[in-house]
Amino acid sequence: MSEYDNRSALVTGANSGLGFEAAAQLAELGYGSVTLACRTQDKADAAANELRERTGADVFETLVVDVGVIESSRKAAAALACRGRSFDVVLLNAGMVPSELDHTVDGIEVCFASSLVGHHIITTELLDAGLLDDASVVLVGSEAANNDLPKMMGMSVYDLALGEPSEFGSTDAEAMKNFATASSGPEYNGQRQYSTTKVFSAWWSAAMARRHEGSTRFYTVSPGANMGTAADRNATGAFKVMIAVMSKVGRYIGMDQPVPVGAKRYVDVALGRDGTYESGHTYTSKPKKMTGPLVERTPEHFTNEDRQDTALDVLDELAQ
């Protein structure tokens, strides 16, 4: 009997990479139920079968959802509400690193939509259904949002993340909406889009922690550099070449780590291990690092409450 036997978890993007590994780690800890949220039933079933074989635990349920699509996210949230299962841990892991500009059927840029919009819908509707009491909600972040990585990586944030919205609009709210929909602004750059989207992730956990102050906890956690994941499947050109090189030599220079190590970051924060993690805060590697121990990160562009609240309001609007 495990201390986690009566606990339940939901993991998005659970059919591969970090999500798959985090689901396995939760089952190996003894979680009584782990729901695998994947884009197709075939992917979910394959992941569940592989996880049962690996862990020896028959605790996996499946959920079909494309978190980049509003209707799919709403249907998935409704399905979870109908099941009536409350969750102790929610790992919002799904997302992508874009290469070229693309929009979802809802007119939202795909990186922003898959990282934030569907996750916001699912979380909000589970909260409304009373299924996240005393839960830990972890949203995937990135060292790229810290805006201090080597220039050769090209992963700097746009000025709107720093409180200078003029590239995208005349106000923070207008600029954030234009950024999220890629409807105006500078020439599209997938690496900068990803980096800035992850600033929104930091804003989201902070604003959600204030909006839902009480028993539900919210964190943004970077898994660090994990070149063995599928998140870079859309990468092209020089960025794809860099990833290929880093997958070979990155572990020797502190720019790559095994996928289980990255997934453990999610699990450790969700379970409160290895230190005290404060709701509403963001945890990544140390400054200018992509691996190593987790630390709280508080660069000035993360901590502005006005921008945090504006970002959450924009997500509410986009999710309608």
Protein backbone atom coordinates (compact mmCIF):
# COMPACT_ATOMS: atom_id res chain seq x y z
CA MET A 1 0.00 0.00 0.00
CA SER A 2 1.38 3.38 -1.04
CA GLU A 3 0.74 6.74 0.61
CA TYR A 4 -0.48 7.83 -2.84
CA ASP A 5 -2.86 4.92 -3.37
CA ASN A 6 -5.98 7.11 -3.15
CA ARG A 7 -4.60 9.96 -5.22
CA SER A 8 -5.31 10.83 -8.84
CA ALA A 9 -3.36 12.67 -11.53
CA LEU A 10 -4.04 14.12 -14.97
CA VAL A 11 -1.19 14.49 -17.47
CA THR A 12 -1.54 16.19 -20.86
CA GLY A 13 0.71 15.21 -23.74
CA ALA A 14 1.12 11.87 -22.00
CA ASN A 15 1.82 9.62 -24.98
CA SER A 16 5.50 10.55 -25.38
CA GLY A 17 8.47 12.35 -23.91
CA LEU A 18 8.10 14.23 -20.63
CA GLY A 19 4.38 13.55 -20.23
CA PHE A 20 4.81 9.82 -20.70
CA GLU A 21 7.70 9.72 -18.24
CA ALA A 22 5.88 11.83 -15.64
CA ALA A 23 2.86 9.51 -15.87
CA ALA A 24 5.15 6.53 -15.33
CA GLN A 25 6.81 8.13 -12.31
CA LEU A 26 3.44 8.90 -10.71
CA ALA A 27 2.29 5.29 -11.21
CA GLU A 28 5.58 3.99 -9.82
CA LEU A 29 5.05 6.13 -6.73
CA GLY A 30 1.73 4.36 -6.25
CA TYR A 31 -0.85 6.83 -7.61
CA GLY A 32 -4.20 5.06 -7.74
CA SER A 33 -5.29 6.73 -10.98
CA VAL A 34 -3.36 8.47 -13.76
CA THR A 35 -5.36 9.93 -16.65
CA LEU A 36 -3.44 10.16 -19.92
CA ALA A 37 -4.64 13.08 -22.04
CA CYS A 38 -3.56 12.61 -25.67
CA ARG A 39 -4.60 13.92 -29.08
CA THR A 40 -6.03 10.62 -30.35
CA GLN A 41 -7.49 7.50 -28.80
CA ASP A 42 -4.92 5.34 -30.56
CA LYS A 43 -2.06 7.31 -29.01
CA ALA A 44 -3.71 7.21 -25.59
CA ASP A 45 -4.33 3.46 -25.74
CA ALA A 46 -0.79 2.73 -26.92
CA ALA A 47 0.65 4.84 -24.10
CA ALA A 48 -1.59 3.17 -21.50
CA ASN A 49 -0.54 -0.31 -22.66
CA GLU A 50 3.14 0.58 -22.66
CA LEU A 51 2.88 2.19 -19.23
CA ARG A 52 1.08 -0.81 -17.76
CA GLU A 53 3.85 -3.05 -19.06
CA ARG A 54 6.59 -0.78 -17.74
CA THR A 55 5.15 -0.06 -14.30
CA GLY A 56 3.15 -3.21 -13.62
CA ALA A 57 0.32 -0.93 -12.50
CA ASP A 58 -3.18 -1.00 -14.00
CA VAL A 59 -4.05 2.57 -13.02
CA PHE A 60 -4.20 4.35 -16.37
CA GLU A 61 -7.29 5.97 -17.82
CA THR A 62 -7.40 7.83 -21.14
CA LEU A 63 -8.76 11.13 -22.39
CA VAL A 64 -8.77 12.40 -25.96
CA VAL A 65 -8.05 16.11 -26.30
CA ASP A 66 -6.27 18.51 -28.60
CA VAL A 67 -5.36 21.28 -26.18
CA GLY A 68 -4.73 23.62 -29.10
CA VAL A 69 -8.41 23.56 -30.05
CA ILE A 70 -11.06 25.25 -27.90
CA GLU A 71 -13.94 22.88 -28.71
CA SER A 72 -11.80 19.80 -28.05
CA SER A 73 -10.60 21.23 -24.73
CA ARG A 74 -14.15 22.04 -23.63
CA LYS A 75 -15.36 18.55 -24.56
CA ALA A 76 -12.49 16.99 -22.63
CA ALA A 77 -13.18 19.12 -19.57
CA ALA A 78 -16.86 18.17 -19.74
CA ALA A 79 -15.93 14.50 -19.99
CA LEU A 80 -13.74 14.78 -16.90
CA ALA A 81 -16.52 16.56 -15.01
CA CYS A 82 -18.94 13.77 -15.94
CA ARG A 83 -16.53 11.17 -14.61
CA GLY A 84 -16.57 13.08 -11.33
CA ARG A 85 -13.01 12.15 -10.37
CA SER A 86 -11.14 14.80 -8.44
CA PHE A 87 -7.44 15.30 -9.09
CA ASP A 88 -4.58 15.79 -6.67
CA VAL A 89 -2.04 16.56 -9.40
CA VAL A 90 -2.53 18.11 -12.85
CA LEU A 91 0.53 18.24 -15.11
CA LEU A 92 -0.12 20.54 -18.07
CA ASN A 93 2.73 19.32 -20.21
CA ALA A 94 1.48 19.41 -23.81
CA GLY A 95 2.93 21.98 -26.20
CA MET A 96 5.28 22.48 -29.11
CA VAL A 97 8.24 24.48 -30.40
CA PRO A 98 7.04 26.05 -33.68
CA SER A 99 9.10 26.69 -36.78
CA GLU A 100 6.68 28.47 -39.11
CA LEU A 101 3.60 30.57 -38.48
CA ASP A 102 0.43 28.49 -38.22
CA HIS A 103 -2.99 29.08 -36.71
CA THR A 104 -5.49 26.76 -35.11
CA VAL A 105 -9.10 26.53 -36.30
CA ASP A 106 -9.83 29.17 -33.64
CA GLY A 107 -7.44 31.67 -35.21
CA ILE A 108 -4.84 31.40 -32.42
CA GLU A 109 -1.13 30.90 -33.08
CA VAL A 110 -0.41 27.18 -32.54
CA CYS A 111 2.37 27.45 -29.94
CA PHE A 112 0.32 29.80 -27.77
CA ALA A 113 -2.85 27.73 -28.21
CA SER A 114 -1.29 24.36 -27.39
CA SER A 115 0.71 25.70 -24.45
CA LEU A 116 -1.94 27.85 -22.80
CA VAL A 117 -5.47 28.13 -24.17
CA GLY A 118 -6.63 24.52 -23.85
CA HIS A 119 -4.86 24.10 -20.54
CA HIS A 120 -6.57 27.22 -19.22
CA ILE A 121 -9.97 25.90 -20.29
CA ILE A 122 -9.48 22.47 -18.73
CA THR A 123 -8.13 23.89 -15.47
CA THR A 124 -10.86 26.51 -15.13
CA GLU A 125 -13.67 24.06 -15.80
CA LEU A 126 -12.26 21.49 -13.38
CA LEU A 127 -12.05 24.23 -10.75
CA ASP A 128 -15.67 25.21 -11.44
CA ALA A 129 -16.68 21.56 -11.07
CA GLY A 130 -14.98 21.33 -7.67
CA LEU A 131 -12.50 18.70 -8.86
CA LEU A 132 -9.26 20.49 -7.94
CA ASP A 133 -9.65 21.01 -4.20
CA ASP A 134 -6.24 20.72 -2.52
CA ALA A 135 -4.65 20.04 -5.92
CA SER A 136 -1.27 21.00 -7.38
CA VAL A 137 -1.44 22.30 -10.97
CA VAL A 138 1.89 22.41 -12.82
CA LEU A 139 2.16 24.21 -16.18
CA VAL A 140 5.24 23.62 -18.30
CA GLY A 141 7.64 26.55 -18.51
CA SER A 142 11.06 27.02 -20.04
CA GLU A 143 14.45 28.54 -19.33
CA ALA A 144 13.87 30.48 -22.55
CA ALA A 145 11.38 32.70 -20.73
CA ASN A 146 14.12 33.94 -18.40
CA ASN A 147 15.62 35.81 -21.37
CA ASP A 148 19.19 34.98 -20.40
CA LEU A 149 20.16 32.07 -22.65
CA PRO A 150 23.16 32.28 -25.01
CA LYS A 151 22.43 34.53 -28.00
CA MET A 152 23.33 31.73 -30.42
CA MET A 153 20.10 29.97 -29.43
CA GLY A 154 17.94 32.88 -30.60
CA MET A 155 15.48 32.33 -27.75
CA SER A 156 14.93 35.85 -26.51
CA VAL A 157 11.54 37.24 -25.54
CA TYR A 158 9.69 39.96 -27.40
CA ASP A 159 9.60 43.43 -25.84
CA LEU A 160 5.91 43.03 -24.94
CA ALA A 161 7.00 40.57 -22.25
CA LEU A 162 9.20 43.30 -20.80
CA GLY A 163 6.40 45.86 -20.59
CA GLU A 164 7.04 47.54 -23.95
CA PRO A 165 4.05 46.54 -26.10
CA SER A 166 4.64 48.81 -29.09
CA GLU A 167 5.84 45.99 -31.37
CA PHE A 168 2.37 44.43 -31.17
CA GLY A 169 -0.04 47.14 -30.00
CA SER A 170 -0.60 50.34 -28.08
CA THR A 171 -1.58 48.69 -24.77
CA ASP A 172 -0.55 45.52 -22.98
CA ALA A 173 -3.95 43.92 -23.60
CA GLU A 174 -3.96 44.75 -27.32
CA ALA A 175 -0.35 43.59 -27.72
CA MET A 176 -1.00 40.31 -25.90
CA LYS A 177 -4.02 39.52 -28.08
CA ASN A 178 -2.12 40.37 -31.25
CA PHE A 179 0.79 38.22 -30.10
CA ALA A 180 -1.49 35.28 -29.24
CA THR A 181 -3.20 35.44 -32.61
CA ALA A 182 -0.09 36.48 -34.56
CA SER A 183 -2.32 39.06 -36.24
CA SER A 184 0.20 41.89 -36.18
CA GLY A 185 3.72 42.57 -35.00
CA PRO A 186 7.24 41.86 -36.22
CA GLU A 187 8.08 39.09 -38.67
CA TYR A 188 7.23 35.72 -37.12
CA ASN A 189 10.08 33.97 -35.32
CA GLY A 190 9.19 30.58 -33.84
CA GLN A 191 11.91 30.58 -31.19
CA ARG A 192 10.95 34.04 -29.92
CA GLN A 193 7.26 33.06 -30.07
CA TYR A 194 8.02 30.04 -27.89
CA SER A 195 10.15 32.03 -25.43
CA THR A 196 7.50 34.71 -25.00
CA THR A 197 4.70 32.16 -24.72
CA LYS A 198 6.56 30.68 -21.76
CA VAL A 199 6.56 34.11 -20.10
CA PHE A 200 2.76 33.91 -20.34
CA SER A 201 3.05 30.55 -18.56
CA ALA A 202 4.80 32.24 -15.65
CA TRP A 203 2.16 34.99 -15.62
CA TRP A 204 -0.63 32.39 -15.73
CA SER A 205 0.42 30.50 -12.61
CA ALA A 206 0.90 33.73 -10.66
CA ALA A 207 -2.46 35.20 -11.67
CA MET A 208 -4.32 31.91 -11.18
CA ALA A 209 -2.82 31.56 -7.70
CA ARG A 210 -4.29 34.94 -6.77
CA ARG A 211 -7.63 34.38 -8.50
CA HIS A 212 -8.11 31.00 -6.80
CA GLU A 213 -6.28 31.64 -3.57
CA GLY A 214 -6.98 28.81 -1.18
CA SER A 215 -6.42 25.12 -1.44
CA THR A 216 -5.46 24.86 -5.14
CA ARG A 217 -1.81 25.51 -5.91
CA PHE A 218 -0.36 26.67 -9.24
CA TYR A 219 3.22 26.44 -10.45
CA THR A 220 5.14 26.98 -13.66
CA VAL A 221 8.02 24.51 -13.94
CA SER A 222 10.65 24.20 -16.63
CA PRO A 223 11.68 20.61 -17.33
CA GLY A 224 15.05 21.94 -18.50
CA ALA A 225 16.77 20.96 -21.73
CA ASN A 226 15.56 17.51 -22.76
CA MET A 227 16.62 16.87 -26.35
CA GLY A 228 15.06 13.40 -26.28
CA THR A 229 11.50 14.72 -26.35
CA ALA A 230 9.27 15.24 -29.38
CA ALA A 231 8.62 18.92 -28.65
CA ASP A 232 11.11 19.91 -31.36
CA ARG A 233 9.43 17.84 -34.08
CA ASN A 234 8.45 20.98 -35.98
CA ALA A 235 11.90 22.57 -35.83
CA THR A 236 13.61 23.40 -39.11
CA GLY A 237 16.78 24.98 -40.43
CA ALA A 238 19.54 26.12 -38.12
CA PHE A 239 17.46 25.49 -35.00
CA LYS A 240 16.93 21.85 -35.98
CA VAL A 241 20.66 21.47 -36.63
CA MET A 242 21.45 22.99 -33.22
CA ILE A 243 19.07 20.55 -31.51
CA ALA A 244 20.69 17.63 -33.32
CA VAL A 245 24.13 18.77 -32.17
CA MET A 246 22.97 19.34 -28.60
CA SER A 247 21.44 15.86 -28.48
CA LYS A 248 24.95 14.51 -29.10
CA VAL A 249 27.10 16.75 -26.91
CA GLY A 250 24.67 18.69 -24.71
CA ARG A 251 25.02 16.50 -21.64
CA TYR A 252 28.73 17.18 -21.54
CA ILE A 253 28.28 20.96 -21.48
CA GLY A 254 25.17 21.26 -19.29
CA MET A 255 22.70 21.81 -22.14
CA ASP A 256 20.88 18.48 -22.11
CA GLN A 257 19.67 15.92 -19.61
CA PRO A 258 17.75 12.61 -19.70
CA VAL A 259 13.99 12.88 -20.11
CA PRO A 260 13.30 11.18 -16.73
CA VAL A 261 15.24 13.97 -15.00
CA GLY A 262 13.10 16.64 -16.67
CA ALA A 263 9.86 14.81 -15.84
CA LYS A 264 10.95 14.44 -12.23
CA ARG A 265 11.02 18.23 -11.96
CA TYR A 266 7.25 18.31 -12.57
CA VAL A 267 6.63 15.53 -10.09
CA ASP A 268 8.89 16.96 -7.40
CA VAL A 269 7.15 20.34 -7.47
CA ALA A 270 3.67 18.83 -7.61
CA LEU A 271 4.44 16.68 -4.59
CA GLY A 272 6.38 19.39 -2.74
CA ARG A 273 9.60 17.39 -2.69
CA ASP A 274 13.16 18.65 -2.32
CA GLY A 275 12.25 21.98 -0.83
CA THR A 276 9.36 24.36 -0.38
CA TYR A 277 7.62 25.40 -3.58
CA GLU A 278 5.33 28.40 -3.35
CA SER A 279 2.07 28.61 -5.26
CA GLY A 280 2.12 31.17 -8.06
CA HIS A 281 5.86 30.97 -8.58
CA THR A 282 8.06 29.80 -11.45
CA TYR A 283 10.87 27.28 -11.11
CA THR A 284 13.64 26.70 -13.65
CA SER A 285 17.36 26.00 -13.72
CA LYS A 286 19.75 28.56 -12.29
CA PRO A 287 20.39 31.76 -14.30
CA LYS A 288 21.87 31.11 -17.75
CA LYS A 289 21.58 27.34 -17.20
CA MET A 290 19.39 24.70 -18.84
CA THR A 291 19.98 21.78 -16.47
CA GLY A 292 20.77 21.27 -12.81
CA PRO A 293 18.76 21.91 -9.67
CA LEU A 294 15.47 23.80 -9.73
CA VAL A 295 15.42 27.28 -8.28
CA GLU A 296 12.74 29.94 -8.01
CA ARG A 297 13.13 32.53 -10.75
CA THR A 298 11.89 36.08 -10.28
CA PRO A 299 13.17 38.25 -13.16
CA GLU A 300 11.35 41.56 -13.26
CA HIS A 301 9.30 40.62 -16.32
CA PHE A 302 7.80 37.64 -14.43
CA THR A 303 6.65 39.53 -11.37
CA ASN A 304 4.58 42.47 -12.65
CA GLU A 305 1.10 41.78 -11.31
CA ASP A 306 -0.65 44.10 -13.75
CA ARG A 307 0.74 42.17 -16.73
CA GLN A 308 -0.03 38.87 -15.03
CA ASP A 309 -3.66 39.84 -14.56
CA THR A 310 -3.94 41.28 -18.07
CA ALA A 311 -2.56 38.05 -19.52
CA LEU A 312 -5.14 36.02 -17.61
CA ASP A 313 -7.93 38.32 -18.82
CA VAL A 314 -6.70 37.85 -22.40
CA LEU A 315 -6.76 34.08 -21.97
CA ASP A 316 -10.31 34.27 -20.64
CA GLU A 317 -11.29 36.23 -23.76
CA LEU A 318 -9.51 33.92 -26.20
CA ALA A 319 -11.02 30.84 -24.57
CA GLN A 320 -14.61 31.96 -25.20
